Amino acid sequence: MSVTMTDDLDGSKAAETVEFALDGAVYEIDLSKRNAAALRKALASYLAAGRRLPRTVKSRPIRAVADQTARERAEHRAYLSKVRTWAAANEMGVSDRGRIPQAVFDAYEAADS
C-alpha cells in the first residue's frame, strides 16, 4: 500500500506539505515542487521584512480525527509504520512511538521514488 499526496492547487502529484500562518490561523497545504517554489517566491519579500516568532505548541493546528475516515486513518498508520521500518533498517534512530522527524520522511520519499 502506498499513499500518494495530491497538490491541493492543481491536482498534480504533491512533493511536500507546506505550513504557514496568517492572522493567527495556521494553514497546511500539499504542493508540487513547482507550486511550493511559487508560494515561497510570492511570500519572500514579506518573510524578509517580517520577524520570525518562536514556534509554540499552541501554534500547531490540531487535526480533527473525526475529519478523517477510518480508511484514511488506517492508511496513515500503515504509512507511518512503513517509514519507521525503513528508518530502523537504515539506522536512522527513530523510536517506535512519537514524532518522526521531517528529515526521515524526506529521506524515505527520496529512497522510495
PDB file of N, CA and C in Angstrom:
ATOM      1  N   MET A   1       0.842  -1.164   0.000  1.00  0.00           N
ATOM      2  CA  MET A   1       0.000   0.000   0.000  1.00  0.00           C
ATOM      3  C   MET A   1       0.893   1.235   0.000  1.00  0.00           C
ATOM      4  N   SER A   2       0.559   2.206  -0.814  1.00  0.00           N
ATOM      5  CA  SER A   2       1.310   3.452  -0.793  1.00  0.00           C
ATOM      6  C   SER A   2       0.339   4.616  -0.733  1.00  0.00           C
ATOM      7  N   VAL A   3       0.789   5.689  -0.130  1.00  0.00           N
ATOM      8  CA  VAL A   3      -0.016   6.896  -0.013  1.00  0.00           C
ATOM      9  C   VAL A   3       0.567   7.921  -0.968  1.00  0.00           C
ATOM     10  N   THR A   4      -0.267   8.461  -1.837  1.00  0.00           N
ATOM     11  CA  THR A   4       0.178   9.474  -2.781  1.00  0.00           C
ATOM     12  C   THR A   4      -0.479  10.795  -2.412  1.00  0.00           C
ATOM     13  N   MET A   5       0.338  11.810  -2.202  1.00  0.00           N
ATOM     14  CA  MET A   5      -0.197  13.131  -1.892  1.00  0.00           C
ATOM     15  C   MET A   5      -0.503  13.851  -3.200  1.00  0.00           C
ATOM     16  N   THR A   6      -1.593  14.607  -3.202  1.00  0.00           N
ATOM     17  CA  THR A   6      -2.016  15.353  -4.375  1.00  0.00           C
ATOM     18  C   THR A   6      -1.909  16.838  -4.089  1.00  0.00           C
ATOM     19  N   ASP A   7      -1.386  17.587  -5.048  1.00  0.00           N
ATOM     20  CA  ASP A   7      -1.270  19.038  -4.935  1.00  0.00           C
ATOM     21  C   ASP A   7      -2.670  19.626  -4.762  1.00  0.00           C
ATOM     22  N   ASP A   8      -2.849  20.409  -3.686  1.00  0.00           N
ATOM     23  CA  ASP A   8      -4.157  20.981  -3.392  1.00  0.00           C
ATOM     24  C   ASP A   8      -4.565  22.074  -4.377  1.00  0.00           C
ATOM     25  N   LEU A   9      -3.622  22.607  -5.147  1.00  0.00           N
ATOM     26  CA  LEU A   9      -3.954  23.651  -6.119  1.00  0.00           C
ATOM     27  C   LEU A   9      -4.361  23.099  -7.471  1.00  0.00           C
ATOM     28  N   ASP A  10      -3.578  22.174  -7.997  1.00  0.00           N
ATOM     29  CA  ASP A  10      -3.824  21.748  -9.377  1.00  0.00           C
ATOM     30  C   ASP A  10      -4.025  20.248  -9.564  1.00  0.00           C
ATOM     31  N   GLY A  11      -4.013  19.482  -8.485  1.00  0.00           N
ATOM     32  CA  GLY A  11      -4.279  18.053  -8.589  1.00  0.00           C
ATOM     33  C   GLY A  11      -3.105  17.198  -9.035  1.00  0.00           C
ATOM     34  N   SER A  12      -1.951  17.810  -9.303  1.00  0.00           N
ATOM     35  CA  SER A  12      -0.770  17.035  -9.692  1.00  0.00           C
ATOM     36  C   SER A  12      -0.191  16.342  -8.456  1.00  0.00           C
ATOM     37  N   LYS A  13       0.859  15.551  -8.643  1.00  0.00           N
ATOM     38  CA  LYS A  13       1.489  14.845  -7.525  1.00  0.00           C
ATOM     39  C   LYS A  13       2.185  15.862  -6.618  1.00  0.00           C
ATOM     40  N   ALA A  14       1.869  15.817  -5.339  1.00  0.00           N
ATOM     41  CA  ALA A  14       2.468  16.740  -4.375  1.00  0.00           C
ATOM     42  C   ALA A  14       3.819  16.204  -3.922  1.00  0.00           C
ATOM     43  N   ALA A  15       4.749  17.120  -3.686  1.00  0.00           N
ATOM     44  CA  ALA A  15       6.087  16.754  -3.234  1.00  0.00           C
ATOM     45  C   ALA A  15       6.273  17.024  -1.746  1.00  0.00           C
ATOM     46  N   GLU A  16       5.486  17.952  -1.209  1.00  0.00           N
ATOM     47  CA  GLU A  16       5.666  18.312   0.192  1.00  0.00           C
ATOM     48  C   GLU A  16       4.417  18.975   0.754  1.00  0.00           C
ATOM     49  N   THR A  17       4.354  19.019   2.079  1.00  0.00           N
ATOM     50  CA  THR A  17       3.300  19.740   2.772  1.00  0.00           C
ATOM     51  C   THR A  17       3.923  21.012   3.318  1.00  0.00           C
ATOM     52  N   VAL A  18       3.337  22.152   2.986  1.00  0.00           N
ATOM     53  CA  VAL A  18       3.850  23.445   3.424  1.00  0.00           C
ATOM     54  C   VAL A  18       2.900  23.996   4.483  1.00  0.00           C
ATOM     55  N   GLU A  19       3.468  24.428   5.587  1.00  0.00           N
ATOM     56  CA  GLU A  19       2.687  25.014   6.669  1.00  0.00           C
ATOM     57  C   GLU A  19       2.983  26.503   6.710  1.00  0.00           C
ATOM     58  N   PHE A  20       1.942  27.316   6.873  1.00  0.00           N
ATOM     59  CA  PHE A  20       2.143  28.756   7.002  1.00  0.00           C
ATOM     60  C   PHE A  20       1.027  29.320   7.868  1.00  0.00           C
ATOM     61  N   ALA A  21       1.235  30.535   8.367  1.00  0.00           N
ATOM     62  CA  ALA A  21       0.243  31.152   9.244  1.00  0.00           C
ATOM     63  C   ALA A  21      -0.039  32.573   8.785  1.00  0.00           C
ATOM     64  N   LEU A  22      -1.271  33.002   9.005  1.00  0.00           N
ATOM     65  CA  LEU A  22      -1.674  34.367   8.678  1.00  0.00           C
ATOM     66  C   LEU A  22      -2.832  34.747   9.584  1.00  0.00           C
ATOM     67  N   ASP A  23      -2.741  35.914  10.189  1.00  0.00           N
ATOM     68  CA  ASP A  23      -3.802  36.430  11.057  1.00  0.00           C
ATOM     69  C   ASP A  23      -4.175  35.455  12.173  1.00  0.00           C
ATOM     70  N   GLY A  24      -3.180  34.781  12.725  1.00  0.00           N
ATOM     71  CA  GLY A  24      -3.402  33.883  13.847  1.00  0.00           C
ATOM     72  C   GLY A  24      -3.883  32.489  13.481  1.00  0.00           C
ATOM     73  N   ALA A  25      -4.145  32.256  12.211  1.00  0.00           N
ATOM     74  CA  ALA A  25      -4.579  30.924  11.765  1.00  0.00           C
ATOM     75  C   ALA A  25      -3.412  30.224  11.085  1.00  0.00           C
ATOM     76  N   VAL A  26      -3.229  28.943  11.383  1.00  0.00           N
ATOM     77  CA  VAL A  26      -2.153  28.158  10.785  1.00  0.00           C
ATOM     78  C   VAL A  26      -2.764  27.286   9.695  1.00  0.00           C
ATOM     79  N   TYR A  27      -2.126  27.291   8.533  1.00  0.00           N
ATOM     80  CA  TYR A  27      -2.617  26.538   7.380  1.00  0.00           C
ATOM     81  C   TYR A  27      -1.592  25.495   6.967  1.00  0.00           C
ATOM     82  N   GLU A  28      -2.077  24.470   6.295  1.00  0.00           N
ATOM     83  CA  GLU A  28      -1.226  23.415   5.768  1.00  0.00           C
ATOM     84  C   GLU A  28      -1.744  23.103   4.368  1.00  0.00           C
ATOM     85  N   ILE A  29      -0.831  23.008   3.400  1.00  0.00           N
ATOM     86  CA  ILE A  29      -1.232  22.744   2.024  1.00  0.00           C
ATOM     87  C   ILE A  29      -0.222  21.798   1.379  1.00  0.00           C
ATOM     88  N   ASP A  30      -0.722  20.817   0.645  1.00  0.00           N
ATOM     89  CA  ASP A  30       0.142  19.881  -0.075  1.00  0.00           C
ATOM     90  C   ASP A  30       0.410  20.466  -1.455  1.00  0.00           C
ATOM     91  N   LEU A  31       1.700  20.580  -1.818  1.00  0.00           N
ATOM     92  CA  LEU A  31       2.070  21.224  -3.075  1.00  0.00           C
ATOM     93  C   LEU A  31       3.130  20.437  -3.832  1.00  0.00           C
ATOM     94  N   SER A  32       3.111  20.592  -5.150  1.00  0.00           N
ATOM     95  CA  SER A  32       4.181  20.061  -6.000  1.00  0.00           C
ATOM     96  C   SER A  32       5.415  20.931  -5.782  1.00  0.00           C
ATOM     97  N   LYS A  33       6.558  20.487  -6.271  1.00  0.00           N
ATOM     98  CA  LYS A  33       7.780  21.291  -6.134  1.00  0.00           C
ATOM     99  C   LYS A  33       7.588  22.659  -6.774  1.00  0.00           C
ATOM    100  N   ARG A  34       6.954  22.680  -7.958  1.00  0.00           N
ATOM    101  CA  ARG A  34       6.754  23.934  -8.687  1.00  0.00           C
ATOM    102  C   ARG A  34       5.857  24.898  -7.898  1.00  0.00           C
ATOM    103  N   ASN A  35       4.742  24.407  -7.387  1.00  0.00           N
ATOM    104  CA  ASN A  35       3.826  25.274  -6.654  1.00  0.00           C
ATOM    105  C   ASN A  35       4.388  25.696  -5.298  1.00  0.00           C
ATOM    106  N   ALA A  36       5.167  24.822  -4.650  1.00  0.00           N
ATOM    107  CA  ALA A  36       5.807  25.192  -3.381  1.00  0.00           C
ATOM    108  C   ALA A  36       6.818  26.311  -3.620  1.00  0.00           C
ATOM    109  N   ALA A  37       7.576  26.203  -4.707  1.00  0.00           N
ATOM    110  CA  ALA A  37       8.545  27.252  -5.044  1.00  0.00           C
ATOM    111  C   ALA A  37       7.828  28.559  -5.356  1.00  0.00           C
ATOM    112  N   ALA A  38       6.696  28.480  -6.050  1.00  0.00           N
ATOM    113  CA  ALA A  38       5.925  29.685  -6.385  1.00  0.00           C
ATOM    114  C   ALA A  38       5.387  30.351  -5.119  1.00  0.00           C
ATOM    115  N   LEU A  39       4.916  29.554  -4.156  1.00  0.00           N
ATOM    116  CA  LEU A  39       4.425  30.111  -2.895  1.00  0.00           C
ATOM    117  C   LEU A  39       5.560  30.802  -2.152  1.00  0.00           C
ATOM    118  N   ARG A  40       6.707  30.127  -2.059  1.00  0.00           N
ATOM    119  CA  ARG A  40       7.847  30.726  -1.360  1.00  0.00           C
ATOM    120  C   ARG A  40       8.309  32.013  -2.042  1.00  0.00           C
ATOM    121  N   LYS A  41       8.301  32.025  -3.366  1.00  0.00           N
ATOM    122  CA  LYS A  41       8.704  33.224  -4.107  1.00  0.00           C
ATOM    123  C   LYS A  41       7.716  34.363  -3.846  1.00  0.00           C
ATOM    124  N   ALA A  42       6.421  34.046  -3.835  1.00  0.00           N
ATOM    125  CA  ALA A  42       5.397  35.066  -3.603  1.00  0.00           C
ATOM    126  C   ALA A  42       5.505  35.664  -2.201  1.00  0.00           C
ATOM    127  N   LEU A  43       5.903  34.857  -1.232  1.00  0.00           N
ATOM    128  CA  LEU A  43       5.988  35.324   0.155  1.00  0.00           C
ATOM    129  C   LEU A  43       7.366  35.858   0.540  1.00  0.00           C
ATOM    130  N   ALA A  44       8.360  35.690  -0.308  1.00  0.00           N
ATOM    131  CA  ALA A  44       9.753  36.001   0.038  1.00  0.00           C
ATOM    132  C   ALA A  44       9.947  37.414   0.571  1.00  0.00           C
ATOM    133  N   SER A  45       9.396  38.417  -0.091  1.00  0.00           N
ATOM    134  CA  SER A  45       9.615  39.801   0.355  1.00  0.00           C
ATOM    135  C   SER A  45       8.937  40.061   1.700  1.00  0.00           C
ATOM    136  N   TYR A  46       7.789  39.441   1.935  1.00  0.00           N
ATOM    137  CA  TYR A  46       7.100  39.604   3.215  1.00  0.00           C
ATOM    138  C   TYR A  46       7.861  38.895   4.335  1.00  0.00           C
ATOM    139  N   LEU A  47       8.383  37.713   4.041  1.00  0.00           N
ATOM    140  CA  LEU A  47       9.158  36.970   5.035  1.00  0.00           C
ATOM    141  C   LEU A  47      10.450  37.701   5.384  1.00  0.00           C
ATOM    142  N   ALA A  48      11.078  38.289   4.374  1.00  0.00           N
ATOM    143  CA  ALA A  48      12.329  39.021   4.604  1.00  0.00           C
ATOM    144  C   ALA A  48      12.089  40.248   5.480  1.00  0.00           C
ATOM    145  N   ALA A  49      10.951  40.899   5.315  1.00  0.00           N
ATOM    146  CA  ALA A  49      10.650  42.108   6.079  1.00  0.00           C
ATOM    147  C   ALA A  49      10.061  41.795   7.454  1.00  0.00           C
ATOM    148  N   GLY A  50       9.519  40.605   7.618  1.00  0.00           N
ATOM    149  CA  GLY A  50       8.861  40.243   8.868  1.00  0.00           C
ATOM    150  C   GLY A  50       9.831  39.747   9.923  1.00  0.00           C
ATOM    151  N   ARG A  51       9.301  39.476  11.101  1.00  0.00           N
ATOM    152  CA  ARG A  51      10.069  38.935  12.220  1.00  0.00           C
ATOM    153  C   ARG A  51       9.580  37.522  12.488  1.00  0.00           C
ATOM    154  N   ARG A  52      10.498  36.593  12.549  1.00  0.00           N
ATOM    155  CA  ARG A  52      10.132  35.201  12.825  1.00  0.00           C
ATOM    156  C   ARG A  52       9.914  35.035  14.320  1.00  0.00           C
ATOM    157  N   LEU A  53       8.808  34.425  14.693  1.00  0.00           N
ATOM    158  CA  LEU A  53       8.484  34.193  16.091  1.00  0.00           C
ATOM    159  C   LEU A  53       8.842  32.765  16.469  1.00  0.00           C
ATOM    160  N   PRO A  54       9.149  32.543  17.753  1.00  0.00           N
ATOM    161  CA  PRO A  54       9.420  31.164  18.162  1.00  0.00           C
ATOM    162  C   PRO A  54       8.142  30.344  18.049  1.00  0.00           C
ATOM    163  N   ARG A  55       8.295  29.119  17.646  1.00  0.00           N
ATOM    164  CA  ARG A  55       7.137  28.240  17.497  1.00  0.00           C
ATOM    165  C   ARG A  55       6.728  27.740  18.868  1.00  0.00           C
ATOM    166  N   THR A  56       5.452  27.762  19.124  1.00  0.00           N
ATOM    167  CA  THR A  56       4.934  27.245  20.380  1.00  0.00           C
ATOM    168  C   THR A  56       4.019  26.072  20.086  1.00  0.00           C
ATOM    169  N   VAL A  57       3.747  25.311  21.117  1.00  0.00           N
ATOM    170  CA  VAL A  57       2.860  24.162  20.951  1.00  0.00           C
ATOM    171  C   VAL A  57       1.481  24.627  20.492  1.00  0.00           C
ATOM    172  N   LYS A  58       1.030  25.777  20.982  1.00  0.00           N
ATOM    173  CA  LYS A  58      -0.284  26.288  20.629  1.00  0.00           C
ATOM    174  C   LYS A  58      -0.406  26.630  19.149  1.00  0.00           C
ATOM    175  N   SER A  59       0.707  26.967  18.503  1.00  0.00           N
ATOM    176  CA  SER A  59       0.626  27.397  17.112  1.00  0.00           C
ATOM    177  C   SER A  59       0.370  26.242  16.148  1.00  0.00           C
ATOM    178  N   ARG A  60       0.539  25.034  16.590  1.00  0.00           N
ATOM    179  CA  ARG A  60       0.339  23.868  15.721  1.00  0.00           C
ATOM    180  C   ARG A  60      -1.152  23.540  15.666  1.00  0.00           C
ATOM    181  N   PRO A  61      -1.719  23.448  14.483  1.00  0.00           N
ATOM    182  CA  PRO A  61      -3.148  23.144  14.401  1.00  0.00           C
ATOM    183  C   PRO A  61      -3.433  21.716  14.859  1.00  0.00           C
ATOM    184  N   ILE A  62      -4.559  21.544  15.470  1.00  0.00           N
ATOM    185  CA  ILE A  62      -4.967  20.211  15.890  1.00  0.00           C
ATOM    186  C   ILE A  62      -5.822  19.644  14.773  1.00  0.00           C
ATOM    187  N   ARG A  63      -5.363  18.576  14.200  1.00  0.00           N
ATOM    188  CA  ARG A  63      -6.082  17.958  13.090  1.00  0.00           C
ATOM    189  C   ARG A  63      -7.171  17.064  13.682  1.00  0.00           C
ATOM    190  N   ALA A  64      -8.386  17.343  13.328  1.00  0.00           N
ATOM    191  CA  ALA A  64      -9.515  16.592  13.861  1.00  0.00           C
ATOM    192  C   ALA A  64      -9.543  15.182  13.291  1.00  0.00           C
ATOM    193  N   VAL A  65      -9.468  14.207  14.176  1.00  0.00           N
ATOM    194  CA  VAL A  65      -9.513  12.815  13.752  1.00  0.00           C
ATOM    195  C   VAL A  65     -10.879  12.514  13.144  1.00  0.00           C
ATOM    196  N   ALA A  66     -11.911  13.203  13.632  1.00  0.00           N
ATOM    197  CA  ALA A  66     -13.254  12.977  13.109  1.00  0.00           C
ATOM    198  C   ALA A  66     -13.365  13.370  11.638  1.00  0.00           C
ATOM    199  N   ASP A  67     -12.483  14.244  11.171  1.00  0.00           N
ATOM    200  CA  ASP A  67     -12.498  14.665   9.772  1.00  0.00           C
ATOM    201  C   ASP A  67     -11.921  13.599   8.846  1.00  0.00           C
ATOM    202  N   GLN A  68     -11.271  12.596   9.405  1.00  0.00           N
ATOM    203  CA  GLN A  68     -10.658  11.544   8.601  1.00  0.00           C
ATOM    204  C   GLN A  68     -11.537  10.296   8.642  1.00  0.00           C
ATOM    205  N   THR A  69     -11.607   9.613   7.531  1.00  0.00           N
ATOM    206  CA  THR A  69     -12.346   8.354   7.508  1.00  0.00           C
ATOM    207  C   THR A  69     -11.497   7.273   8.159  1.00  0.00           C
ATOM    208  N   ALA A  70     -12.133   6.178   8.519  1.00  0.00           N
ATOM    209  CA  ALA A  70     -11.397   5.055   9.113  1.00  0.00           C
ATOM    210  C   ALA A  70     -10.330   4.560   8.143  1.00  0.00           C
ATOM    211  N   ARG A  71     -10.651   4.563   6.872  1.00  0.00           N
ATOM    212  CA  ARG A  71      -9.688   4.107   5.863  1.00  0.00           C
ATOM    213  C   ARG A  71      -8.475   5.042   5.811  1.00  0.00           C
ATOM    214  N   GLU A  72      -8.724   6.365   5.858  1.00  0.00           N
ATOM    215  CA  GLU A  72      -7.610   7.323   5.833  1.00  0.00           C
ATOM    216  C   GLU A  72      -6.715   7.149   7.057  1.00  0.00           C
ATOM    217  N   ARG A  73      -7.325   6.941   8.221  1.00  0.00           N
ATOM    218  CA  ARG A  73      -6.530   6.734   9.442  1.00  0.00           C
ATOM    219  C   ARG A  73      -5.703   5.461   9.331  1.00  0.00           C
ATOM    220  N   ALA A  74      -6.308   4.391   8.816  1.00  0.00           N
ATOM    221  CA  ALA A  74      -5.591   3.120   8.663  1.00  0.00           C
ATOM    222  C   ALA A  74      -4.449   3.258   7.660  1.00  0.00           C
ATOM    223  N   GLU A  75      -4.694   3.960   6.546  1.00  0.00           N
ATOM    224  CA  GLU A  75      -3.643   4.168   5.544  1.00  0.00           C
ATOM    225  C   GLU A  75      -2.496   4.988   6.129  1.00  0.00           C
ATOM    226  N   HIS A  76      -2.841   6.002   6.924  1.00  0.00           N
ATOM    227  CA  HIS A  76      -1.810   6.847   7.531  1.00  0.00           C
ATOM    228  C   HIS A  76      -0.974   6.042   8.526  1.00  0.00           C
ATOM    229  N   ARG A  77      -1.637   5.224   9.351  1.00  0.00           N
ATOM    230  CA  ARG A  77      -0.899   4.377  10.308  1.00  0.00           C
ATOM    231  C   ARG A  77       0.017   3.408   9.574  1.00  0.00           C
ATOM    232  N   ALA A  78      -0.477   2.834   8.482  1.00  0.00           N
ATOM    233  CA  ALA A  78       0.339   1.896   7.698  1.00  0.00           C
ATOM    234  C   ALA A  78       1.544   2.609   7.100  1.00  0.00           C
ATOM    235  N   TYR A  79       1.333   3.826   6.612  1.00  0.00           N
ATOM    236  CA  TYR A  79       2.426   4.617   6.038  1.00  0.00           C
ATOM    237  C   TYR A  79       3.476   4.918   7.110  1.00  0.00           C
ATOM    238  N   LEU A  80       3.035   5.350   8.289  1.00  0.00           N
ATOM    239  CA  LEU A  80       3.977   5.649   9.372  1.00  0.00           C
ATOM    240  C   LEU A  80       4.759   4.403   9.770  1.00  0.00           C
ATOM    241  N   SER A  81       4.085   3.272   9.831  1.00  0.00           N
ATOM    242  CA  SER A  81       4.750   2.015  10.166  1.00  0.00           C
ATOM    243  C   SER A  81       5.810   1.667   9.123  1.00  0.00           C
ATOM    244  N   LYS A  82       5.467   1.869   7.867  1.00  0.00           N
ATOM    245  CA  LYS A  82       6.405   1.591   6.771  1.00  0.00           C
ATOM    246  C   LYS A  82       7.638   2.504   6.870  1.00  0.00           C
ATOM    247  N   VAL A  83       7.406   3.780   7.179  1.00  0.00           N
ATOM    248  CA  VAL A  83       8.514   4.732   7.323  1.00  0.00           C
ATOM    249  C   VAL A  83       9.390   4.338   8.504  1.00  0.00           C
ATOM    250  N   ARG A  84       8.781   3.975   9.645  1.00  0.00           N
ATOM    251  CA  ARG A  84       9.551   3.563  10.827  1.00  0.00           C
ATOM    252  C   ARG A  84      10.390   2.318  10.536  1.00  0.00           C
ATOM    253  N   THR A  85       9.799   1.345   9.842  1.00  0.00           N
ATOM    254  CA  THR A  85      10.524   0.119   9.500  1.00  0.00           C
ATOM    255  C   THR A  85      11.710   0.444   8.605  1.00  0.00           C
ATOM    256  N   TRP A  86      11.477   1.286   7.605  1.00  0.00           N
ATOM    257  CA  TRP A  86      12.549   1.694   6.690  1.00  0.00           C
ATOM    258  C   TRP A  86      13.641   2.444   7.455  1.00  0.00           C
ATOM    259  N   ALA A  87      13.233   3.361   8.346  1.00  0.00           N
ATOM    260  CA  ALA A  87      14.198   4.154   9.114  1.00  0.00           C
ATOM    261  C   ALA A  87      15.043   3.256  10.020  1.00  0.00           C
ATOM    262  N   ALA A  88      14.413   2.259  10.642  1.00  0.00           N
ATOM    263  CA  ALA A  88      15.157   1.330  11.502  1.00  0.00           C
ATOM    264  C   ALA A  88      16.154   0.525  10.678  1.00  0.00           C
ATOM    265  N   ALA A  89      15.737   0.068   9.502  1.00  0.00           N
ATOM    266  CA  ALA A  89      16.627  -0.710   8.634  1.00  0.00           C
ATOM    267  C   ALA A  89      17.805   0.122   8.145  1.00  0.00           C
ATOM    268  N   ASN A  90      17.609   1.438   8.072  1.00  0.00           N
ATOM    269  CA  ASN A  90      18.661   2.343   7.616  1.00  0.00           C
ATOM    270  C   ASN A  90      19.342   3.072   8.771  1.00  0.00           C
ATOM    271  N   GLU A  91      19.124   2.548   9.993  1.00  0.00           N
ATOM    272  CA  GLU A  91      19.777   3.056  11.208  1.00  0.00           C
ATOM    273  C   GLU A  91      19.636   4.567  11.367  1.00  0.00           C
ATOM    274  N   MET A  92      18.400   5.046  11.234  1.00  0.00           N
ATOM    275  CA  MET A  92      18.142   6.481  11.354  1.00  0.00           C
ATOM    276  C   MET A  92      17.735   6.883  12.769  1.00  0.00           C
ATOM    277  N   GLY A  93      17.675   5.932  13.689  1.00  0.00           N
ATOM    278  CA  GLY A  93      17.426   6.247  15.091  1.00  0.00           C
ATOM    279  C   GLY A  93      16.031   6.762  15.395  1.00  0.00           C
ATOM    280  N   VAL A  94      15.015   6.215  14.754  1.00  0.00           N
ATOM    281  CA  VAL A  94      13.637   6.623  15.016  1.00  0.00           C
ATOM    282  C   VAL A  94      13.031   5.659  16.025  1.00  0.00           C
ATOM    283  N   SER A  95      12.358   6.210  17.037  1.00  0.00           N
ATOM    284  CA  SER A  95      11.757   5.360  18.068  1.00  0.00           C
ATOM    285  C   SER A  95      10.486   4.690  17.540  1.00  0.00           C
ATOM    286  N   ASP A  96       9.994   3.726  18.311  1.00  0.00           N
ATOM    287  CA  ASP A  96       8.778   3.007  17.929  1.00  0.00           C
ATOM    288  C   ASP A  96       7.526   3.856  18.089  1.00  0.00           C
ATOM    289  N   ARG A  97       7.631   4.916  18.859  1.00  0.00           N
ATOM    290  CA  ARG A  97       6.487   5.799  19.102  1.00  0.00           C
ATOM    291  C   ARG A  97       6.939   7.239  19.004  1.00  0.00           C
ATOM    292  N   GLY A  98       5.987   8.135  18.878  1.00  0.00           N
ATOM    293  CA  GLY A  98       6.290   9.561  18.856  1.00  0.00           C
ATOM    294  C   GLY A  98       6.468  10.107  17.452  1.00  0.00           C
ATOM    295  N   ARG A  99       6.871  11.350  17.412  1.00  0.00           N
ATOM    296  CA  ARG A  99       7.001  12.083  16.159  1.00  0.00           C
ATOM    297  C   ARG A  99       8.177  11.570  15.343  1.00  0.00           C
ATOM    298  N   ILE A 100       7.956  11.474  14.046  1.00  0.00           N
ATOM    299  CA  ILE A 100       9.022  11.111  13.113  1.00  0.00           C
ATOM    300  C   ILE A 100       9.548  12.412  12.514  1.00  0.00           C
ATOM    301  N   PRO A 101      10.851  12.680  12.601  1.00  0.00           N
ATOM    302  CA  PRO A 101      11.397  13.923  12.053  1.00  0.00           C
ATOM    303  C   PRO A 101      11.154  14.048  10.543  1.00  0.00           C
ATOM    304  N   GLN A 102      10.943  15.273  10.085  1.00  0.00           N
ATOM    305  CA  GLN A 102      10.703  15.530   8.662  1.00  0.00           C
ATOM    306  C   GLN A 102      11.850  15.016   7.804  1.00  0.00           C
ATOM    307  N   ALA A 103      13.073  15.086   8.318  1.00  0.00           N
ATOM    308  CA  ALA A 103      14.238  14.609   7.557  1.00  0.00           C
ATOM    309  C   ALA A 103      14.116  13.118   7.237  1.00  0.00           C
ATOM    310  N   VAL A 104      13.505  12.355   8.140  1.00  0.00           N
ATOM    311  CA  VAL A 104      13.313  10.922   7.898  1.00  0.00           C
ATOM    312  C   VAL A 104      12.281  10.719   6.790  1.00  0.00           C
ATOM    313  N   PHE A 105      11.174  11.476   6.847  1.00  0.00           N
ATOM    314  CA  PHE A 105      10.171  11.390   5.778  1.00  0.00           C
ATOM    315  C   PHE A 105      10.794  11.755   4.433  1.00  0.00           C
ATOM    316  N   ASP A 106      11.594  12.821   4.423  1.00  0.00           N
ATOM    317  CA  ASP A 106      12.234  13.267   3.178  1.00  0.00           C
ATOM    318  C   ASP A 106      13.156  12.187   2.617  1.00  0.00           C
ATOM    319  N   ALA A 107      13.953  11.573   3.501  1.00  0.00           N
ATOM    320  CA  ALA A 107      14.878  10.523   3.064  1.00  0.00           C
ATOM    321  C   ALA A 107      14.106   9.304   2.560  1.00  0.00           C
ATOM    322  N   TYR A 108      13.024   8.956   3.249  1.00  0.00           N
ATOM    323  CA  TYR A 108      12.204   7.815   2.836  1.00  0.00           C
ATOM    324  C   TYR A 108      11.599   8.067   1.456  1.00  0.00           C
ATOM    325  N   GLU A 109      11.028   9.244   1.269  1.00  0.00           N
ATOM    326  CA  GLU A 109      10.399   9.575  -0.018  1.00  0.00           C
ATOM    327  C   GLU A 109      11.438   9.586  -1.137  1.00  0.00           C
ATOM    328  N   ALA A 110      12.629  10.105  -0.843  1.00  0.00           N
ATOM    329  CA  ALA A 110      13.693  10.139  -1.859  1.00  0.00           C
ATOM    330  C   ALA A 110      14.124   8.720  -2.227  1.00  0.00           C
ATOM    331  N   ALA A 111      14.200   7.847  -1.237  1.00  0.00           N
ATOM    332  CA  ALA A 111      14.616   6.467  -1.495  1.00  0.00           C
ATOM    333  C   ALA A 111      13.510   5.667  -2.175  1.00  0.00           C
ATOM    334  N   ASP A 112      12.264   6.037  -1.910  1.00  0.00           N
ATOM    335  CA  ASP A 112      11.114   5.301  -2.442  1.00  0.00           C
ATOM    336  C   ASP A 112      10.779   5.692  -3.876  1.00  0.00           C
ATOM    337  N   SER A 113      11.302   6.853  -4.333  1.00  0.00           N
ATOM    338  CA  SER A 113      10.950   7.281  -5.696  1.00  0.00           C
ATOM    339  C   SER A 113      11.906   6.778  -6.732  1.00  0.00           C
TER     340      SER A 113
END
